[in-house]
Amino acid sequence: MTVAGRHHDQRSVETTLPTVLIFAIKLIPLGVVVFVVFVIGVVEQRVGFSLYRVEVFIELMMSR
């Protein structure tokens, strides 16, 4: 019974790790988007940078 229990624990750890990694990878783009939006907001308040310029810049980066 102990051996079976141990085997089950090991298996659950093996399946949990990839799930956590996939979850983290899915969260990374969201974090980046939030960070970029936050930076744009701060820059707009400080410098008076227009969102239009930022959009044009993003389009230039994407077209490369």
PDB file of N, CA and C in Angstrom:
ATOM      1  N   MET A   1       0.844  -1.204   0.000  1.00  0.00           N
ATOM      2  CA  MET A   1       0.000   0.000   0.000  1.00  0.00           C
ATOM      3  C   MET A   1       0.885   1.264   0.000  1.00  0.00           C
ATOM      4  N   THR A   2       1.955   1.239   0.773  1.00  0.00           N
ATOM      5  CA  THR A   2       2.846   2.394   0.834  1.00  0.00           C
ATOM      6  C   THR A   2       3.499   2.652  -0.521  1.00  0.00           C
ATOM      7  N   VAL A   3       3.939   1.578  -1.187  1.00  0.00           N
ATOM      8  CA  VAL A   3       4.607   1.700  -2.486  1.00  0.00           C
ATOM      9  C   VAL A   3       3.636   2.318  -3.517  1.00  0.00           C
ATOM     10  N   ALA A   4       2.384   1.833  -3.514  1.00  0.00           N
ATOM     11  CA  ALA A   4       1.380   2.352  -4.438  1.00  0.00           C
ATOM     12  C   ALA A   4       1.124   3.841  -4.168  1.00  0.00           C
ATOM     13  N   GLY A   5       1.046   4.186  -2.892  1.00  0.00           N
ATOM     14  CA  GLY A   5       0.823   5.590  -2.525  1.00  0.00           C
ATOM     15  C   GLY A   5       1.965   6.472  -2.981  1.00  0.00           C
ATOM     16  N   ARG A   6       3.190   5.980  -2.794  1.00  0.00           N
ATOM     17  CA  ARG A   6       4.368   6.740  -3.197  1.00  0.00           C
ATOM     18  C   ARG A   6       4.378   6.943  -4.721  1.00  0.00           C
ATOM     19  N   HIS A   7       4.063   5.885  -5.433  1.00  0.00           N
ATOM     20  CA  HIS A   7       4.034   5.937  -6.892  1.00  0.00           C
ATOM     21  C   HIS A   7       3.002   6.974  -7.364  1.00  0.00           C
ATOM     22  N   HIS A   8       1.865   7.007  -6.695  1.00  0.00           N
ATOM     23  CA  HIS A   8       0.814   7.958  -7.045  1.00  0.00           C
ATOM     24  C   HIS A   8       1.303   9.399  -6.822  1.00  0.00           C
ATOM     25  N   ASP A   9       1.992   9.647  -5.707  1.00  0.00           N
ATOM     26  CA  ASP A   9       2.513  10.985  -5.409  1.00  0.00           C
ATOM     27  C   ASP A   9       3.493  11.432  -6.491  1.00  0.00           C
ATOM     28  N   GLN A  10       4.385  10.517  -6.870  1.00  0.00           N
ATOM     29  CA  GLN A  10       5.386  10.847  -7.894  1.00  0.00           C
ATOM     30  C   GLN A  10       4.704  11.214  -9.220  1.00  0.00           C
ATOM     31  N   ARG A  11       3.689  10.452  -9.578  1.00  0.00           N
ATOM     32  CA  ARG A  11       2.972  10.685 -10.830  1.00  0.00           C
ATOM     33  C   ARG A  11       2.275  12.054 -10.791  1.00  0.00           C
ATOM     34  N   SER A  12       1.661  12.387  -9.672  1.00  0.00           N
ATOM     35  CA  SER A  12       0.950  13.659  -9.561  1.00  0.00           C
ATOM     36  C   SER A  12       1.930  14.830  -9.655  1.00  0.00           C
ATOM     37  N   VAL A  13       3.139  14.661  -9.118  1.00  0.00           N
ATOM     38  CA  VAL A  13       4.159  15.716  -9.212  1.00  0.00           C
ATOM     39  C   VAL A  13       4.575  15.885 -10.674  1.00  0.00           C
ATOM     40  N   GLU A  14       4.755  14.764 -11.382  1.00  0.00           N
ATOM     41  CA  GLU A  14       5.158  14.819 -12.793  1.00  0.00           C
ATOM     42  C   GLU A  14       4.110  15.513 -13.653  1.00  0.00           C
ATOM     43  N   THR A  15       2.833  15.319 -13.352  1.00  0.00           N
ATOM     44  CA  THR A  15       1.772  15.966 -14.143  1.00  0.00           C
ATOM     45  C   THR A  15       1.551  17.419 -13.711  1.00  0.00           C
ATOM     46  N   THR A  16       1.877  17.752 -12.467  1.00  0.00           N
ATOM     47  CA  THR A  16       1.664  19.116 -11.974  1.00  0.00           C
ATOM     48  C   THR A  16       2.690  20.082 -12.556  1.00  0.00           C
ATOM     49  N   LEU A  17       3.948  19.639 -12.671  1.00  0.00           N
ATOM     50  CA  LEU A  17       5.030  20.517 -13.150  1.00  0.00           C
ATOM     51  C   LEU A  17       4.758  21.066 -14.551  1.00  0.00           C
ATOM     52  N   PRO A  18       4.468  20.216 -15.552  1.00  0.00           N
ATOM     53  CA  PRO A  18       4.164  20.765 -16.889  1.00  0.00           C
ATOM     54  C   PRO A  18       2.950  21.690 -16.882  1.00  0.00           C
ATOM     55  N   THR A  19       1.946  21.356 -16.082  1.00  0.00           N
ATOM     56  CA  THR A  19       0.744  22.194 -15.995  1.00  0.00           C
ATOM     57  C   THR A  19       1.106  23.585 -15.485  1.00  0.00           C
ATOM     58  N   VAL A  20       1.953  23.640 -14.448  1.00  0.00           N
ATOM     59  CA  VAL A  20       2.400  24.923 -13.883  1.00  0.00           C
ATOM     60  C   VAL A  20       3.213  25.693 -14.925  1.00  0.00           C
ATOM     61  N   LEU A  21       4.089  24.983 -15.645  1.00  0.00           N
ATOM     62  CA  LEU A  21       4.909  25.632 -16.682  1.00  0.00           C
ATOM     63  C   LEU A  21       4.027  26.209 -17.782  1.00  0.00           C
ATOM     64  N   ILE A  22       3.051  25.430 -18.243  1.00  0.00           N
ATOM     65  CA  ILE A  22       2.129  25.892 -19.289  1.00  0.00           C
ATOM     66  C   ILE A  22       1.355  27.113 -18.796  1.00  0.00           C
ATOM     67  N   PHE A  23       0.907  27.065 -17.542  1.00  0.00           N
ATOM     68  CA  PHE A  23       0.171  28.182 -16.941  1.00  0.00           C
ATOM     69  C   PHE A  23       1.041  29.435 -16.902  1.00  0.00           C
ATOM     70  N   ALA A  24       2.308  29.259 -16.499  1.00  0.00           N
ATOM     71  CA  ALA A  24       3.250  30.387 -16.432  1.00  0.00           C
ATOM     72  C   ALA A  24       3.492  30.969 -17.819  1.00  0.00           C
ATOM     73  N   ILE A  25       3.682  30.079 -18.816  1.00  0.00           N
ATOM     74  CA  ILE A  25       3.927  30.529 -20.189  1.00  0.00           C
ATOM     75  C   ILE A  25       2.726  31.297 -20.725  1.00  0.00           C
ATOM     76  N   LYS A  26       1.521  30.849 -20.378  1.00  0.00           N
ATOM     77  CA  LYS A  26       0.298  31.543 -20.816  1.00  0.00           C
ATOM     78  C   LYS A  26       0.183  32.913 -20.145  1.00  0.00           C
ATOM     79  N   LEU A  27       0.680  33.034 -18.913  1.00  0.00           N
ATOM     80  CA  LEU A  27       0.581  34.304 -18.183  1.00  0.00           C
ATOM     81  C   LEU A  27       1.615  35.328 -18.654  1.00  0.00           C
ATOM     82  N   ILE A  28       2.747  34.867 -19.226  1.00  0.00           N
ATOM     83  CA  ILE A  28       3.822  35.779 -19.623  1.00  0.00           C
ATOM     84  C   ILE A  28       3.327  36.844 -20.612  1.00  0.00           C
ATOM     85  N   PRO A  29       2.649  36.462 -21.717  1.00  0.00           N
ATOM     86  CA  PRO A  29       2.179  37.503 -22.651  1.00  0.00           C
ATOM     87  C   PRO A  29       1.234  38.499 -21.988  1.00  0.00           C
ATOM     88  N   LEU A  30       0.373  37.999 -21.105  1.00  0.00           N
ATOM     89  CA  LEU A  30      -0.567  38.882 -20.399  1.00  0.00           C
ATOM     90  C   LEU A  30       0.203  39.894 -19.554  1.00  0.00           C
ATOM     91  N   GLY A  31       1.217  39.420 -18.854  1.00  0.00           N
ATOM     92  CA  GLY A  31       2.061  40.292 -18.030  1.00  0.00           C
ATOM     93  C   GLY A  31       2.762  41.347 -18.871  1.00  0.00           C
ATOM     94  N   VAL A  32       3.263  40.927 -20.032  1.00  0.00           N
ATOM     95  CA  VAL A  32       3.951  41.857 -20.936  1.00  0.00           C
ATOM     96  C   VAL A  32       2.990  42.935 -21.424  1.00  0.00           C
ATOM     97  N   VAL A  33       1.775  42.529 -21.806  1.00  0.00           N
ATOM     98  CA  VAL A  33       0.762  43.481 -22.295  1.00  0.00           C
ATOM     99  C   VAL A  33       0.412  44.494 -21.209  1.00  0.00           C
ATOM    100  N   VAL A  34       0.188  43.987 -19.993  1.00  0.00           N
ATOM    101  CA  VAL A  34      -0.146  44.873 -18.867  1.00  0.00           C
ATOM    102  C   VAL A  34       1.002  45.848 -18.617  1.00  0.00           C
ATOM    103  N   PHE A  35       2.244  45.338 -18.650  1.00  0.00           N
ATOM    104  CA  PHE A  35       3.434  46.169 -18.421  1.00  0.00           C
ATOM    105  C   PHE A  35       3.540  47.264 -19.485  1.00  0.00           C
ATOM    106  N   VAL A  36       3.354  46.877 -20.748  1.00  0.00           N
ATOM    107  CA  VAL A  36       3.443  47.842 -21.860  1.00  0.00           C
ATOM    108  C   VAL A  36       2.370  48.917 -21.715  1.00  0.00           C
ATOM    109  N   VAL A  37       1.147  48.494 -21.401  1.00  0.00           N
ATOM    110  CA  VAL A  37       0.045  49.452 -21.226  1.00  0.00           C
ATOM    111  C   VAL A  37       0.355  50.409 -20.074  1.00  0.00           C
ATOM    112  N   PHE A  38       0.916  49.873 -18.992  1.00  0.00           N
ATOM    113  CA  PHE A  38       1.279  50.684 -17.834  1.00  0.00           C
ATOM    114  C   PHE A  38       2.356  51.705 -18.207  1.00  0.00           C
ATOM    115  N   VAL A  39       3.389  51.241 -18.915  1.00  0.00           N
ATOM    116  CA  VAL A  39       4.479  52.131 -19.345  1.00  0.00           C
ATOM    117  C   VAL A  39       3.949  53.231 -20.258  1.00  0.00           C
ATOM    118  N   ILE A  40       3.084  52.848 -21.213  1.00  0.00           N
ATOM    119  CA  ILE A  40       2.492  53.836 -22.134  1.00  0.00           C
ATOM    120  C   ILE A  40       1.717  54.883 -21.339  1.00  0.00           C
ATOM    121  N   GLY A  41       0.958  54.433 -20.324  1.00  0.00           N
ATOM    122  CA  GLY A  41       0.190  55.357 -19.494  1.00  0.00           C
ATOM    123  C   GLY A  41       1.085  56.339 -18.758  1.00  0.00           C
ATOM    124  N   VAL A  42       2.174  55.839 -18.192  1.00  0.00           N
ATOM    125  CA  VAL A  42       3.125  56.696 -17.456  1.00  0.00           C
ATOM    126  C   VAL A  42       3.786  57.687 -18.412  1.00  0.00           C
ATOM    127  N   VAL A  43       4.244  57.185 -19.562  1.00  0.00           N
ATOM    128  CA  VAL A  43       4.908  58.041 -20.557  1.00  0.00           C
ATOM    129  C   VAL A  43       3.952  59.129 -21.047  1.00  0.00           C
ATOM    130  N   GLU A  44       2.687  58.755 -21.287  1.00  0.00           N
ATOM    131  CA  GLU A  44       1.693  59.730 -21.752  1.00  0.00           C
ATOM    132  C   GLU A  44       1.522  60.853 -20.735  1.00  0.00           C
ATOM    133  N   GLN A  45       1.468  60.489 -19.440  1.00  0.00           N
ATOM    134  CA  GLN A  45       1.285  61.506 -18.399  1.00  0.00           C
ATOM    135  C   GLN A  45       2.515  62.403 -18.286  1.00  0.00           C
ATOM    136  N   ARG A  46       3.703  61.810 -18.371  1.00  0.00           N
ATOM    137  CA  ARG A  46       4.945  62.569 -18.174  1.00  0.00           C
ATOM    138  C   ARG A  46       5.283  63.427 -19.394  1.00  0.00           C
ATOM    139  N   VAL A  47       5.278  62.815 -20.565  1.00  0.00           N
ATOM    140  CA  VAL A  47       5.799  63.464 -21.771  1.00  0.00           C
ATOM    141  C   VAL A  47       4.695  64.016 -22.677  1.00  0.00           C
ATOM    142  N   GLY A  48       3.459  63.534 -22.482  1.00  0.00           N
ATOM    143  CA  GLY A  48       2.383  63.932 -23.379  1.00  0.00           C
ATOM    144  C   GLY A  48       2.490  63.192 -24.705  1.00  0.00           C
ATOM    145  N   PHE A  49       3.030  61.962 -24.619  1.00  0.00           N
ATOM    146  CA  PHE A  49       3.196  61.094 -25.785  1.00  0.00           C
ATOM    147  C   PHE A  49       1.806  60.633 -26.237  1.00  0.00           C
ATOM    148  N   SER A  50       1.511  60.782 -27.521  1.00  0.00           N
ATOM    149  CA  SER A  50       0.181  60.382 -28.001  1.00  0.00           C
ATOM    150  C   SER A  50       0.132  58.885 -28.267  1.00  0.00           C
ATOM    151  N   LEU A  51      -1.033  58.276 -28.008  1.00  0.00           N
ATOM    152  CA  LEU A  51      -1.225  56.849 -28.269  1.00  0.00           C
ATOM    153  C   LEU A  51      -1.087  56.544 -29.760  1.00  0.00           C
ATOM    154  N   TYR A  52      -1.432  57.501 -30.587  1.00  0.00           N
ATOM    155  CA  TYR A  52      -1.331  57.301 -32.032  1.00  0.00           C
ATOM    156  C   TYR A  52       0.115  56.988 -32.430  1.00  0.00           C
ATOM    157  N   ARG A  53       1.057  57.734 -31.888  1.00  0.00           N
ATOM    158  CA  ARG A  53       2.476  57.509 -32.195  1.00  0.00           C
ATOM    159  C   ARG A  53       2.906  56.117 -31.760  1.00  0.00           C
ATOM    160  N   VAL A  54       2.435  55.702 -30.580  1.00  0.00           N
ATOM    161  CA  VAL A  54       2.762  54.371 -30.055  1.00  0.00           C
ATOM    162  C   VAL A  54       2.215  53.293 -30.992  1.00  0.00           C
ATOM    163  N   GLU A  55       0.990  53.484 -31.472  1.00  0.00           N
ATOM    164  CA  GLU A  55       0.378  52.520 -32.396  1.00  0.00           C
ATOM    165  C   GLU A  55       1.169  52.435 -33.692  1.00  0.00           C
ATOM    166  N   VAL A  56       1.598  53.568 -34.214  1.00  0.00           N
ATOM    167  CA  VAL A  56       2.402  53.592 -35.443  1.00  0.00           C
ATOM    168  C   VAL A  56       3.722  52.856 -35.201  1.00  0.00           C
ATOM    169  N   PHE A  57       4.331  53.099 -34.052  1.00  0.00           N
ATOM    170  CA  PHE A  57       5.592  52.452 -33.698  1.00  0.00           C
ATOM    171  C   PHE A  57       5.421  50.941 -33.628  1.00  0.00           C
ATOM    172  N   ILE A  58       4.331  50.487 -32.994  1.00  0.00           N
ATOM    173  CA  ILE A  58       4.046  49.043 -32.874  1.00  0.00           C
ATOM    174  C   ILE A  58       3.859  48.446 -34.272  1.00  0.00           C
ATOM    175  N   GLU A  59       3.151  49.161 -35.144  1.00  0.00           N
ATOM    176  CA  GLU A  59       2.935  48.673 -36.516  1.00  0.00           C
ATOM    177  C   GLU A  59       4.264  48.559 -37.261  1.00  0.00           C
ATOM    178  N   LEU A  60       5.159  49.526 -37.054  1.00  0.00           N
ATOM    179  CA  LEU A  60       6.481  49.476 -37.688  1.00  0.00           C
ATOM    180  C   LEU A  60       7.273  48.265 -37.189  1.00  0.00           C
ATOM    181  N   MET A  61       7.202  48.003 -35.880  1.00  0.00           N
ATOM    182  CA  MET A  61       7.913  46.859 -35.293  1.00  0.00           C
ATOM    183  C   MET A  61       7.358  45.543 -35.821  1.00  0.00           C
ATOM    184  N   MET A  62       6.019  45.467 -35.957  1.00  0.00           N
ATOM    185  CA  MET A  62       5.377  44.235 -36.428  1.00  0.00           C
ATOM    186  C   MET A  62       5.717  43.970 -37.900  1.00  0.00           C
ATOM    187  N   SER A  63       5.802  45.039 -38.721  1.00  0.00           N
ATOM    188  CA  SER A  63       6.034  44.879 -40.161  1.00  0.00           C
ATOM    189  C   SER A  63       7.463  44.420 -40.462  1.00  0.00           C
ATOM    190  N   ARG A  64       8.388  44.566 -39.509  1.00  0.00           N
ATOM    191  CA  ARG A  64       9.784  44.144 -39.728  1.00  0.00           C
ATOM    192  C   ARG A  64       9.886  42.647 -39.861  1.00  0.00           C
TER     193      ARG A  64
END
